[in-house]
Amino acid sequence: MTDKGLLLHVSGADAAHLEAGIRTALNARAQLPEVTLELVVQGPCVTYLAAGSALVPELAALDGEHVQVLACNNSMRSAGLEANQLHGGVNVVPAAVAHLATRQFTGWAYVRV
């Protein structure tokens, strides 16, 4: 991976938003193999990052693809979700908005899915 990065930002309430983000991440990985990818999930759709959710097979497709999936802790708190309830490989950032801004300040590209 290089120091170049691509932020894929997913927010919304339903599974379709996260499914679109996962598809976009896989498509980006295929075309940008040297770019660091982060899929940042914010809002009620963080619940689909939980172990046992309906989207576990889709999340598993990212395993080995070098796509970092990041859940917003503020959104998790609103949804009543704890970090230990997340699908393996999902990490937590304190606030998606701050993480997205910080990455963009350092030159990362941003795409809202």
PDB file of N, CA and C in Angstrom:
ATOM      1  N   MET A   1       0.832  -1.184   0.000  1.00  0.00           N
ATOM      2  CA  MET A   1       0.000   0.000   0.000  1.00  0.00           C
ATOM      3  C   MET A   1       0.877   1.248   0.000  1.00  0.00           C
ATOM      4  N   THR A   2       0.320   2.308  -0.477  1.00  0.00           N
ATOM      5  CA  THR A   2       1.043   3.571  -0.535  1.00  0.00           C
ATOM      6  C   THR A   2       0.487   4.522   0.508  1.00  0.00           C
ATOM      7  N   ASP A   3       1.022   5.725   0.527  1.00  0.00           N
ATOM      8  CA  ASP A   3       0.482   6.726   1.439  1.00  0.00           C
ATOM      9  C   ASP A   3      -0.760   7.393   0.860  1.00  0.00           C
ATOM     10  N   LYS A   4      -1.125   7.027  -0.374  1.00  0.00           N
ATOM     11  CA  LYS A   4      -2.362   7.528  -0.964  1.00  0.00           C
ATOM     12  C   LYS A   4      -3.519   6.780  -0.346  1.00  0.00           C
ATOM     13  N   GLY A   5      -4.620   7.491  -0.096  1.00  0.00           N
ATOM     14  CA  GLY A   5      -5.757   6.836   0.515  1.00  0.00           C
ATOM     15  C   GLY A   5      -7.058   7.269  -0.102  1.00  0.00           C
ATOM     16  N   LEU A   6      -8.031   6.369  -0.029  1.00  0.00           N
ATOM     17  CA  LEU A   6      -9.381   6.635  -0.495  1.00  0.00           C
ATOM     18  C   LEU A   6     -10.346   6.345   0.644  1.00  0.00           C
ATOM     19  N   LEU A   7     -11.119   7.351   1.001  1.00  0.00           N
ATOM     20  CA  LEU A   7     -12.163   7.232   2.011  1.00  0.00           C
ATOM     21  C   LEU A   7     -13.485   6.982   1.317  1.00  0.00           C
ATOM     22  N   LEU A   8     -14.150   5.901   1.682  1.00  0.00           N
ATOM     23  CA  LEU A   8     -15.500   5.634   1.209  1.00  0.00           C
ATOM     24  C   LEU A   8     -16.416   5.830   2.400  1.00  0.00           C
ATOM     25  N   HIS A   9     -17.320   6.786   2.318  1.00  0.00           N
ATOM     26  CA  HIS A   9     -18.156   7.189   3.448  1.00  0.00           C
ATOM     27  C   HIS A   9     -19.576   6.681   3.236  1.00  0.00           C
ATOM     28  N   VAL A  10     -20.035   5.845   4.160  1.00  0.00           N
ATOM     29  CA  VAL A  10     -21.384   5.295   4.113  1.00  0.00           C
ATOM     30  C   VAL A  10     -22.158   5.805   5.315  1.00  0.00           C
ATOM     31  N   SER A  11     -23.335   6.339   5.070  1.00  0.00           N
ATOM     32  CA  SER A  11     -24.242   6.688   6.165  1.00  0.00           C
ATOM     33  C   SER A  11     -25.653   6.397   5.678  1.00  0.00           C
ATOM     34  N   GLY A  12     -26.522   6.257   6.598  1.00  0.00           N
ATOM     35  CA  GLY A  12     -27.904   5.949   6.249  1.00  0.00           C
ATOM     36  C   GLY A  12     -28.486   4.973   7.244  1.00  0.00           C
ATOM     37  N   ALA A  13     -29.687   4.521   6.961  1.00  0.00           N
ATOM     38  CA  ALA A  13     -30.397   3.696   7.929  1.00  0.00           C
ATOM     39  C   ALA A  13     -30.561   2.243   7.520  1.00  0.00           C
ATOM     40  N   ASP A  14     -30.419   1.949   6.248  1.00  0.00           N
ATOM     41  CA  ASP A  14     -30.731   0.575   5.863  1.00  0.00           C
ATOM     42  C   ASP A  14     -29.529  -0.169   5.301  1.00  0.00           C
ATOM     43  N   ALA A  15     -29.699  -1.459   5.152  1.00  0.00           N
ATOM     44  CA  ALA A  15     -28.619  -2.334   4.696  1.00  0.00           C
ATOM     45  C   ALA A  15     -28.133  -1.970   3.295  1.00  0.00           C
ATOM     46  N   ALA A  16     -29.003  -1.450   2.465  1.00  0.00           N
ATOM     47  CA  ALA A  16     -28.631  -1.123   1.088  1.00  0.00           C
ATOM     48  C   ALA A  16     -27.475  -0.126   1.040  1.00  0.00           C
ATOM     49  N   HIS A  17     -27.433   0.798   1.995  1.00  0.00           N
ATOM     50  CA  HIS A  17     -26.341   1.772   2.021  1.00  0.00           C
ATOM     51  C   HIS A  17     -25.003   1.078   2.243  1.00  0.00           C
ATOM     52  N   LEU A  18     -24.961   0.180   3.220  1.00  0.00           N
ATOM     53  CA  LEU A  18     -23.709  -0.521   3.497  1.00  0.00           C
ATOM     54  C   LEU A  18     -23.363  -1.489   2.370  1.00  0.00           C
ATOM     55  N   GLU A  19     -24.354  -2.149   1.800  1.00  0.00           N
ATOM     56  CA  GLU A  19     -24.098  -3.041   0.660  1.00  0.00           C
ATOM     57  C   GLU A  19     -23.455  -2.265  -0.489  1.00  0.00           C
ATOM     58  N   ALA A  20     -23.954  -1.071  -0.755  1.00  0.00           N
ATOM     59  CA  ALA A  20     -23.370  -0.240  -1.814  1.00  0.00           C
ATOM     60  C   ALA A  20     -21.934   0.132  -1.474  1.00  0.00           C
ATOM     61  N   GLY A  21     -21.674   0.439  -0.216  1.00  0.00           N
ATOM     62  CA  GLY A  21     -20.316   0.762   0.199  1.00  0.00           C
ATOM     63  C   GLY A  21     -19.361  -0.409   0.020  1.00  0.00           C
ATOM     64  N   ILE A  22     -19.816  -1.599   0.355  1.00  0.00           N
ATOM     65  CA  ILE A  22     -18.979  -2.793   0.201  1.00  0.00           C
ATOM     66  C   ILE A  22     -18.689  -3.055  -1.271  1.00  0.00           C
ATOM     67  N   ARG A  23     -19.708  -2.951  -2.116  1.00  0.00           N
ATOM     68  CA  ARG A  23     -19.499  -3.129  -3.571  1.00  0.00           C
ATOM     69  C   ARG A  23     -18.517  -2.097  -4.109  1.00  0.00           C
ATOM     70  N   THR A  24     -18.687  -0.865  -3.675  1.00  0.00           N
ATOM     71  CA  THR A  24     -17.794   0.210  -4.116  1.00  0.00           C
ATOM     72  C   THR A  24     -16.365  -0.059  -3.663  1.00  0.00           C
ATOM     73  N   ALA A  25     -16.202  -0.529  -2.439  1.00  0.00           N
ATOM     74  CA  ALA A  25     -14.866  -0.847  -1.930  1.00  0.00           C
ATOM     75  C   ALA A  25     -14.216  -1.955  -2.752  1.00  0.00           C
ATOM     76  N   LEU A  26     -14.965  -2.990  -3.092  1.00  0.00           N
ATOM     77  CA  LEU A  26     -14.416  -4.089  -3.892  1.00  0.00           C
ATOM     78  C   LEU A  26     -14.051  -3.619  -5.298  1.00  0.00           C
ATOM     79  N   ASN A  27     -14.897  -2.770  -5.882  1.00  0.00           N
ATOM     80  CA  ASN A  27     -14.599  -2.223  -7.213  1.00  0.00           C
ATOM     81  C   ASN A  27     -13.371  -1.322  -7.170  1.00  0.00           C
ATOM     82  N   ALA A  28     -13.264  -0.500  -6.132  1.00  0.00           N
ATOM     83  CA  ALA A  28     -12.108   0.386  -5.989  1.00  0.00           C
ATOM     84  C   ALA A  28     -10.835  -0.437  -5.804  1.00  0.00           C
ATOM     85  N   ARG A  29     -10.912  -1.476  -4.976  1.00  0.00           N
ATOM     86  CA  ARG A  29      -9.737  -2.321  -4.739  1.00  0.00           C
ATOM     87  C   ARG A  29      -9.252  -2.935  -6.052  1.00  0.00           C
ATOM     88  N   ALA A  30     -10.171  -3.385  -6.895  1.00  0.00           N
ATOM     89  CA  ALA A  30      -9.791  -4.010  -8.164  1.00  0.00           C
ATOM     90  C   ALA A  30      -9.068  -3.023  -9.083  1.00  0.00           C
ATOM     91  N   GLN A  31      -9.471  -1.771  -9.053  1.00  0.00           N
ATOM     92  CA  GLN A  31      -8.901  -0.773  -9.954  1.00  0.00           C
ATOM     93  C   GLN A  31      -7.750   0.021  -9.348  1.00  0.00           C
ATOM     94  N   LEU A  32      -7.668   0.039  -8.040  1.00  0.00           N
ATOM     95  CA  LEU A  32      -6.648   0.830  -7.335  1.00  0.00           C
ATOM     96  C   LEU A  32      -5.915  -0.060  -6.328  1.00  0.00           C
ATOM     97  N   PRO A  33      -5.174  -1.046  -6.824  1.00  0.00           N
ATOM     98  CA  PRO A  33      -4.588  -2.033  -5.914  1.00  0.00           C
ATOM     99  C   PRO A  33      -3.548  -1.474  -4.943  1.00  0.00           C
ATOM    100  N   GLU A  34      -2.953  -0.350  -5.245  1.00  0.00           N
ATOM    101  CA  GLU A  34      -1.900   0.199  -4.388  1.00  0.00           C
ATOM    102  C   GLU A  34      -2.386   1.276  -3.423  1.00  0.00           C
ATOM    103  N   VAL A  35      -3.669   1.589  -3.487  1.00  0.00           N
ATOM    104  CA  VAL A  35      -4.212   2.669  -2.667  1.00  0.00           C
ATOM    105  C   VAL A  35      -4.797   2.088  -1.378  1.00  0.00           C
ATOM    106  N   THR A  36      -4.537   2.731  -0.259  1.00  0.00           N
ATOM    107  CA  THR A  36      -5.133   2.345   1.006  1.00  0.00           C
ATOM    108  C   THR A  36      -6.610   2.728   0.993  1.00  0.00           C
ATOM    109  N   LEU A  37      -7.474   1.787   1.353  1.00  0.00           N
ATOM    110  CA  LEU A  37      -8.922   2.020   1.335  1.00  0.00           C
ATOM    111  C   LEU A  37      -9.497   1.926   2.734  1.00  0.00           C
ATOM    112  N   GLU A  38     -10.343   2.886   3.064  1.00  0.00           N
ATOM    113  CA  GLU A  38     -11.094   2.840   4.308  1.00  0.00           C
ATOM    114  C   GLU A  38     -12.575   3.029   3.997  1.00  0.00           C
ATOM    115  N   LEU A  39     -13.379   2.122   4.523  1.00  0.00           N
ATOM    116  CA  LEU A  39     -14.830   2.211   4.425  1.00  0.00           C
ATOM    117  C   LEU A  39     -15.317   2.692   5.790  1.00  0.00           C
ATOM    118  N   VAL A  40     -15.737   3.953   5.859  1.00  0.00           N
ATOM    119  CA  VAL A  40     -16.126   4.583   7.117  1.00  0.00           C
ATOM    120  C   VAL A  40     -17.655   4.578   7.189  1.00  0.00           C
ATOM    121  N   VAL A  41     -18.180   3.913   8.225  1.00  0.00           N
ATOM    122  CA  VAL A  41     -19.622   3.712   8.354  1.00  0.00           C
ATOM    123  C   VAL A  41     -20.150   4.557   9.504  1.00  0.00           C
ATOM    124  N   GLN A  42     -21.181   5.341   9.191  1.00  0.00           N
ATOM    125  CA  GLN A  42     -21.750   6.302  10.143  1.00  0.00           C
ATOM    126  C   GLN A  42     -23.269   6.207  10.072  1.00  0.00           C
ATOM    127  N   GLY A  43     -23.925   6.480  11.170  1.00  0.00           N
ATOM    128  CA  GLY A  43     -25.380   6.484  11.199  1.00  0.00           C
ATOM    129  C   GLY A  43     -25.941   5.126  11.589  1.00  0.00           C
ATOM    130  N   PRO A  44     -27.262   4.983  11.487  1.00  0.00           N
ATOM    131  CA  PRO A  44     -27.919   3.754  11.935  1.00  0.00           C
ATOM    132  C   PRO A  44     -27.433   2.478  11.231  1.00  0.00           C
ATOM    133  N   CYS A  45     -26.872   2.598  10.055  1.00  0.00           N
ATOM    134  CA  CYS A  45     -26.412   1.388   9.346  1.00  0.00           C
ATOM    135  C   CYS A  45     -25.199   0.740  10.025  1.00  0.00           C
ATOM    136  N   VAL A  46     -24.643   1.358  11.069  1.00  0.00           N
ATOM    137  CA  VAL A  46     -23.567   0.690  11.811  1.00  0.00           C
ATOM    138  C   VAL A  46     -24.048  -0.630  12.399  1.00  0.00           C
ATOM    139  N   THR A  47     -25.348  -0.754  12.624  1.00  0.00           N
ATOM    140  CA  THR A  47     -25.861  -2.003  13.202  1.00  0.00           C
ATOM    141  C   THR A  47     -25.596  -3.199  12.286  1.00  0.00           C
ATOM    142  N   TYR A  48     -25.439  -2.960  10.994  1.00  0.00           N
ATOM    143  CA  TYR A  48     -25.155  -4.041  10.046  1.00  0.00           C
ATOM    144  C   TYR A  48     -23.694  -4.484  10.089  1.00  0.00           C
ATOM    145  N   LEU A  49     -22.884  -3.810  10.909  1.00  0.00           N
ATOM    146  CA  LEU A  49     -21.496  -4.223  11.120  1.00  0.00           C
ATOM    147  C   LEU A  49     -21.364  -5.221  12.263  1.00  0.00           C
ATOM    148  N   ALA A  50     -22.469  -5.506  12.931  1.00  0.00           N
ATOM    149  CA  ALA A  50     -22.441  -6.424  14.075  1.00  0.00           C
ATOM    150  C   ALA A  50     -22.225  -7.856  13.600  1.00  0.00           C
ATOM    151  N   ALA A  51     -21.523  -8.615  14.433  1.00  0.00           N
ATOM    152  CA  ALA A  51     -21.383 -10.045  14.173  1.00  0.00           C
ATOM    153  C   ALA A  51     -22.782 -10.642  14.149  1.00  0.00           C
ATOM    154  N   GLY A  52     -23.051 -11.482  13.172  1.00  0.00           N
ATOM    155  CA  GLY A  52     -24.357 -12.109  13.061  1.00  0.00           C
ATOM    156  C   GLY A  52     -25.373 -11.302  12.282  1.00  0.00           C
ATOM    157  N   SER A  53     -25.002 -10.118  11.782  1.00  0.00           N
ATOM    158  CA  SER A  53     -25.961  -9.327  11.008  1.00  0.00           C
ATOM    159  C   SER A  53     -26.197  -9.980   9.651  1.00  0.00           C
ATOM    160  N   ALA A  54     -27.214  -9.516   8.973  1.00  0.00           N
ATOM    161  CA  ALA A  54     -27.554 -10.050   7.652  1.00  0.00           C
ATOM    162  C   ALA A  54     -26.452  -9.805   6.622  1.00  0.00           C
ATOM    163  N   LEU A  55     -25.551  -8.864   6.894  1.00  0.00           N
ATOM    164  CA  LEU A  55     -24.509  -8.522   5.915  1.00  0.00           C
ATOM    165  C   LEU A  55     -23.156  -9.162   6.210  1.00  0.00           C
ATOM    166  N   VAL A  56     -23.110 -10.134   7.109  1.00  0.00           N
ATOM    167  CA  VAL A  56     -21.843 -10.799   7.408  1.00  0.00           C
ATOM    168  C   VAL A  56     -21.206 -11.394   6.142  1.00  0.00           C
ATOM    169  N   PRO A  57     -21.965 -12.053   5.259  1.00  0.00           N
ATOM    170  CA  PRO A  57     -21.310 -12.578   4.042  1.00  0.00           C
ATOM    171  C   PRO A  57     -20.681 -11.480   3.179  1.00  0.00           C
ATOM    172  N   GLU A  58     -21.353 -10.342   3.073  1.00  0.00           N
ATOM    173  CA  GLU A  58     -20.814  -9.232   2.294  1.00  0.00           C
ATOM    174  C   GLU A  58     -19.565  -8.658   2.971  1.00  0.00           C
ATOM    175  N   LEU A  59     -19.616  -8.526   4.291  1.00  0.00           N
ATOM    176  CA  LEU A  59     -18.445  -8.046   5.029  1.00  0.00           C
ATOM    177  C   LEU A  59     -17.282  -9.022   4.892  1.00  0.00           C
ATOM    178  N   ALA A  60     -17.573 -10.305   4.905  1.00  0.00           N
ATOM    179  CA  ALA A  60     -16.523 -11.321   4.763  1.00  0.00           C
ATOM    180  C   ALA A  60     -15.839 -11.225   3.405  1.00  0.00           C
ATOM    181  N   ALA A  61     -16.555 -10.720   2.398  1.00  0.00           N
ATOM    182  CA  ALA A  61     -15.952 -10.554   1.065  1.00  0.00           C
ATOM    183  C   ALA A  61     -14.800  -9.556   1.102  1.00  0.00           C
ATOM    184  N   LEU A  62     -14.781  -8.690   2.094  1.00  0.00           N
ATOM    185  CA  LEU A  62     -13.697  -7.704   2.218  1.00  0.00           C
ATOM    186  C   LEU A  62     -12.460  -8.292   2.877  1.00  0.00           C
ATOM    187  N   ASP A  63     -12.622  -9.438   3.558  1.00  0.00           N
ATOM    188  CA  ASP A  63     -11.483 -10.084   4.215  1.00  0.00           C
ATOM    189  C   ASP A  63     -10.398 -10.374   3.181  1.00  0.00           C
ATOM    190  N   GLY A  64      -9.198  -9.979   3.476  1.00  0.00           N
ATOM    191  CA  GLY A  64      -8.089 -10.214   2.564  1.00  0.00           C
ATOM    192  C   GLY A  64      -7.981  -9.209   1.433  1.00  0.00           C
ATOM    193  N   GLU A  65      -8.906  -8.265   1.357  1.00  0.00           N
ATOM    194  CA  GLU A  65      -8.891  -7.264   0.287  1.00  0.00           C
ATOM    195  C   GLU A  65      -8.197  -5.977   0.710  1.00  0.00           C
ATOM    196  N   HIS A  66      -7.683  -5.930   1.929  1.00  0.00           N
ATOM    197  CA  HIS A  66      -6.999  -4.750   2.449  1.00  0.00           C
ATOM    198  C   HIS A  66      -7.893  -3.514   2.403  1.00  0.00           C
ATOM    199  N   VAL A  67      -9.126  -3.709   2.849  1.00  0.00           N
ATOM    200  CA  VAL A  67     -10.067  -2.607   3.020  1.00  0.00           C
ATOM    201  C   VAL A  67     -10.351  -2.515   4.512  1.00  0.00           C
ATOM    202  N   GLN A  68     -10.012  -1.397   5.106  1.00  0.00           N
ATOM    203  CA  GLN A  68     -10.250  -1.195   6.537  1.00  0.00           C
ATOM    204  C   GLN A  68     -11.677  -0.697   6.724  1.00  0.00           C
ATOM    205  N   VAL A  69     -12.476  -1.438   7.472  1.00  0.00           N
ATOM    206  CA  VAL A  69     -13.844  -1.028   7.777  1.00  0.00           C
ATOM    207  C   VAL A  69     -13.833  -0.366   9.151  1.00  0.00           C
ATOM    208  N   LEU A  70     -14.342   0.866   9.199  1.00  0.00           N
ATOM    209  CA  LEU A  70     -14.319   1.661  10.423  1.00  0.00           C
ATOM    210  C   LEU A  70     -15.728   2.094  10.793  1.00  0.00           C
ATOM    211  N   ALA A  71     -16.115   1.823  12.019  1.00  0.00           N
ATOM    212  CA  ALA A  71     -17.418   2.211  12.533  1.00  0.00           C
ATOM    213  C   ALA A  71     -17.285   3.465  13.392  1.00  0.00           C
ATOM    214  N   CYS A  72     -18.229   4.356  13.267  1.00  0.00           N
ATOM    215  CA  CYS A  72     -18.279   5.579  14.073  1.00  0.00           C
ATOM    216  C   CYS A  72     -18.780   5.234  15.474  1.00  0.00           C
ATOM    217  N   ASN A  73     -17.975   5.536  16.482  1.00  0.00           N
ATOM    218  CA  ASN A  73     -18.367   5.240  17.853  1.00  0.00           C
ATOM    219  C   ASN A  73     -19.599   6.037  18.283  1.00  0.00           C
ATOM    220  N   ASN A  74     -19.719   7.266  17.824  1.00  0.00           N
ATOM    221  CA  ASN A  74     -20.907   8.051  18.169  1.00  0.00           C
ATOM    222  C   ASN A  74     -22.168   7.385  17.635  1.00  0.00           C
ATOM    223  N   SER A  75     -22.110   6.891  16.401  1.00  0.00           N
ATOM    224  CA  SER A  75     -23.253   6.190  15.810  1.00  0.00           C
ATOM    225  C   SER A  75     -23.527   4.881  16.534  1.00  0.00           C
ATOM    226  N   MET A  76     -22.456   4.189  16.918  1.00  0.00           N
ATOM    227  CA  MET A  76     -22.625   2.935  17.658  1.00  0.00           C
ATOM    228  C   MET A  76     -23.318   3.184  18.995  1.00  0.00           C
ATOM    229  N   ARG A  77     -22.916   4.232  19.677  1.00  0.00           N
ATOM    230  CA  ARG A  77     -23.522   4.570  20.964  1.00  0.00           C
ATOM    231  C   ARG A  77     -25.016   4.850  20.777  1.00  0.00           C
ATOM    232  N   SER A  78     -25.365   5.593  19.738  1.00  0.00           N
ATOM    233  CA  SER A  78     -26.779   5.896  19.464  1.00  0.00           C
ATOM    234  C   SER A  78     -27.574   4.625  19.157  1.00  0.00           C
ATOM    235  N   ALA A  79     -26.908   3.642  18.545  1.00  0.00           N
ATOM    236  CA  ALA A  79     -27.567   2.386  18.177  1.00  0.00           C
ATOM    237  C   ALA A  79     -27.509   1.339  19.289  1.00  0.00           C
ATOM    238  N   GLY A  80     -26.826   1.667  20.393  1.00  0.00           N
ATOM    239  CA  GLY A  80     -26.702   0.716  21.488  1.00  0.00           C
ATOM    240  C   GLY A  80     -25.786  -0.450  21.166  1.00  0.00           C
ATOM    241  N   LEU A  81     -24.769  -0.183  20.364  1.00  0.00           N
ATOM    242  CA  LEU A  81     -23.838  -1.221  19.911  1.00  0.00           C
ATOM    243  C   LEU A  81     -22.477  -1.011  20.544  1.00  0.00           C
ATOM    244  N   GLU A  82     -21.888  -2.083  21.031  1.00  0.00           N
ATOM    245  CA  GLU A  82     -20.556  -2.045  21.646  1.00  0.00           C
ATOM    246  C   GLU A  82     -19.517  -2.600  20.673  1.00  0.00           C
ATOM    247  N   ALA A  83     -18.273  -2.178  20.827  1.00  0.00           N
ATOM    248  CA  ALA A  83     -17.191  -2.625  19.939  1.00  0.00           C
ATOM    249  C   ALA A  83     -17.040  -4.142  19.935  1.00  0.00           C
ATOM    250  N   ASN A  84     -17.258  -4.786  21.067  1.00  0.00           N
ATOM    251  CA  ASN A  84     -17.096  -6.247  21.127  1.00  0.00           C
ATOM    252  C   ASN A  84     -18.222  -6.991  20.411  1.00  0.00           C
ATOM    253  N   GLN A  85     -19.214  -6.273  19.908  1.00  0.00           N
ATOM    254  CA  GLN A  85     -20.311  -6.884  19.163  1.00  0.00           C
ATOM    255  C   GLN A  85     -20.095  -6.809  17.649  1.00  0.00           C
ATOM    256  N   LEU A  86     -19.013  -6.169  17.217  1.00  0.00           N
ATOM    257  CA  LEU A  86     -18.771  -5.966  15.793  1.00  0.00           C
ATOM    258  C   LEU A  86     -18.203  -7.215  15.122  1.00  0.00           C
ATOM    259  N   HIS A  87     -18.468  -7.323  13.845  1.00  0.00           N
ATOM    260  CA  HIS A  87     -17.881  -8.371  13.011  1.00  0.00           C
ATOM    261  C   HIS A  87     -16.359  -8.264  13.098  1.00  0.00           C
ATOM    262  N   GLY A  88     -15.683  -9.399  13.110  1.00  0.00           N
ATOM    263  CA  GLY A  88     -14.225  -9.401  13.170  1.00  0.00           C
ATOM    264  C   GLY A  88     -13.622  -8.554  12.057  1.00  0.00           C
ATOM    265  N   GLY A  89     -12.623  -7.784  12.389  1.00  0.00           N
ATOM    266  CA  GLY A  89     -11.958  -6.940  11.398  1.00  0.00           C
ATOM    267  C   GLY A  89     -12.495  -5.526  11.322  1.00  0.00           C
ATOM    268  N   VAL A  90     -13.650  -5.276  11.929  1.00  0.00           N
ATOM    269  CA  VAL A  90     -14.189  -3.919  11.956  1.00  0.00           C
ATOM    270  C   VAL A  90     -13.564  -3.189  13.135  1.00  0.00           C
ATOM    271  N   ASN A  91     -13.050  -2.011  12.884  1.00  0.00           N
ATOM    272  CA  ASN A  91     -12.468  -1.182  13.937  1.00  0.00           C
ATOM    273  C   ASN A  91     -13.355   0.028  14.171  1.00  0.00           C
ATOM    274  N   VAL A  92     -13.053   0.759  15.221  1.00  0.00           N
ATOM    275  CA  VAL A  92     -13.889   1.884  15.641  1.00  0.00           C
ATOM    276  C   VAL A  92     -13.072   3.173  15.629  1.00  0.00           C
ATOM    277  N   VAL A  93     -13.686   4.243  15.131  1.00  0.00           N
ATOM    278  CA  VAL A  93     -13.119   5.588  15.257  1.00  0.00           C
ATOM    279  C   VAL A  93     -14.045   6.373  16.175  1.00  0.00           C
ATOM    280  N   PRO A  94     -13.511   7.306  16.967  1.00  0.00           N
ATOM    281  CA  PRO A  94     -14.358   8.040  17.921  1.00  0.00           C
ATOM    282  C   PRO A  94     -15.517   8.780  17.248  1.00  0.00           C
ATOM    283  N   ALA A  95     -15.229   9.466  16.145  1.00  0.00           N
ATOM    284  CA  ALA A  95     -16.246  10.236  15.423  1.00  0.00           C
ATOM    285  C   ALA A  95     -15.915  10.186  13.936  1.00  0.00           C
ATOM    286  N   ALA A  96     -16.854   9.705  13.141  1.00  0.00           N
ATOM    287  CA  ALA A  96     -16.604   9.598  11.703  1.00  0.00           C
ATOM    288  C   ALA A  96     -16.257  10.956  11.093  1.00  0.00           C
ATOM    289  N   VAL A  97     -16.979  11.987  11.482  1.00  0.00           N
ATOM    290  CA  VAL A  97     -16.751  13.305  10.896  1.00  0.00           C
ATOM    291  C   VAL A  97     -15.323  13.776  11.129  1.00  0.00           C
ATOM    292  N   ALA A  98     -14.790  13.566  12.323  1.00  0.00           N
ATOM    293  CA  ALA A  98     -13.424  13.983  12.614  1.00  0.00           C
ATOM    294  C   ALA A  98     -12.420  13.125  11.852  1.00  0.00           C
ATOM    295  N   HIS A  99     -12.683  11.824  11.757  1.00  0.00           N
ATOM    296  CA  HIS A  99     -11.772  10.935  11.027  1.00  0.00           C
ATOM    297  C   HIS A  99     -11.729  11.312   9.546  1.00  0.00           C
ATOM    298  N   LEU A 100     -12.893  11.534   8.967  1.00  0.00           N
ATOM    299  CA  LEU A 100     -12.960  11.907   7.551  1.00  0.00           C
ATOM    300  C   LEU A 100     -12.228  13.222   7.303  1.00  0.00           C
ATOM    301  N   ALA A 101     -12.456  14.200   8.154  1.00  0.00           N
ATOM    302  CA  ALA A 101     -11.800  15.497   7.987  1.00  0.00           C
ATOM    303  C   ALA A 101     -10.290  15.374   8.134  1.00  0.00           C
ATOM    304  N   THR A 102      -9.831  14.644   9.128  1.00  0.00           N
ATOM    305  CA  THR A 102      -8.398  14.487   9.357  1.00  0.00           C
ATOM    306  C   THR A 102      -7.721  13.836   8.159  1.00  0.00           C
ATOM    307  N   ARG A 103      -8.326  12.800   7.630  1.00  0.00           N
ATOM    308  CA  ARG A 103      -7.749  12.137   6.445  1.00  0.00           C
ATOM    309  C   ARG A 103      -7.712  13.100   5.254  1.00  0.00           C
ATOM    310  N   GLN A 104      -8.791  13.847   5.052  1.00  0.00           N
ATOM    311  CA  GLN A 104      -8.818  14.776   3.922  1.00  0.00           C
ATOM    312  C   GLN A 104      -7.785  15.881   4.081  1.00  0.00           C
ATOM    313  N   PHE A 105      -7.534  16.311   5.302  1.00  0.00           N
ATOM    314  CA  PHE A 105      -6.500  17.324   5.543  1.00  0.00           C
ATOM    315  C   PHE A 105      -5.132  16.841   5.084  1.00  0.00           C
ATOM    316  N   THR A 106      -4.923  15.505   5.108  1.00  0.00           N
ATOM    317  CA  THR A 106      -3.629  14.955   4.703  1.00  0.00           C
ATOM    318  C   THR A 106      -3.617  14.483   3.253  1.00  0.00           C
ATOM    319  N   GLY A 107      -4.671  14.804   2.509  1.00  0.00           N
ATOM    320  CA  GLY A 107      -4.655  14.546   1.080  1.00  0.00           C
ATOM    321  C   GLY A 107      -5.398  13.306   0.595  1.00  0.00           C
ATOM    322  N   TRP A 108      -6.108  12.626   1.462  1.00  0.00           N
ATOM    323  CA  TRP A 108      -6.865  11.461   1.022  1.00  0.00           C
ATOM    324  C   TRP A 108      -8.044  11.896   0.162  1.00  0.00           C
ATOM    325  N   ALA A 109      -8.404  11.057  -0.806  1.00  0.00           N
ATOM    326  CA  ALA A 109      -9.590  11.295  -1.634  1.00  0.00           C
ATOM    327  C   ALA A 109     -10.826  10.840  -0.868  1.00  0.00           C
ATOM    328  N   TYR A 110     -11.951  11.481  -1.127  1.00  0.00           N
ATOM    329  CA  TYR A 110     -13.205  11.195  -0.417  1.00  0.00           C
ATOM    330  C   TYR A 110     -14.314  10.908  -1.419  1.00  0.00           C
ATOM    331  N   VAL A 111     -15.057   9.825  -1.149  1.00  0.00           N
ATOM    332  CA  VAL A 111     -16.243   9.499  -1.945  1.00  0.00           C
ATOM    333  C   VAL A 111     -17.362   9.150  -0.989  1.00  0.00           C
ATOM    334  N   ARG A 112     -18.462   9.828  -1.118  1.00  0.00           N
ATOM    335  CA  ARG A 112     -19.655   9.461  -0.336  1.00  0.00           C
ATOM    336  C   ARG A 112     -20.442   8.459  -1.142  1.00  0.00           C
ATOM    337  N   VAL A 113     -20.734   7.328  -0.517  1.00  0.00           N
ATOM    338  CA  VAL A 113     -21.457   6.247  -1.211  1.00  0.00           C
ATOM    339  C   VAL A 113     -22.929   6.358  -0.871  1.00  0.00           C
TER     340      VAL A 113
END
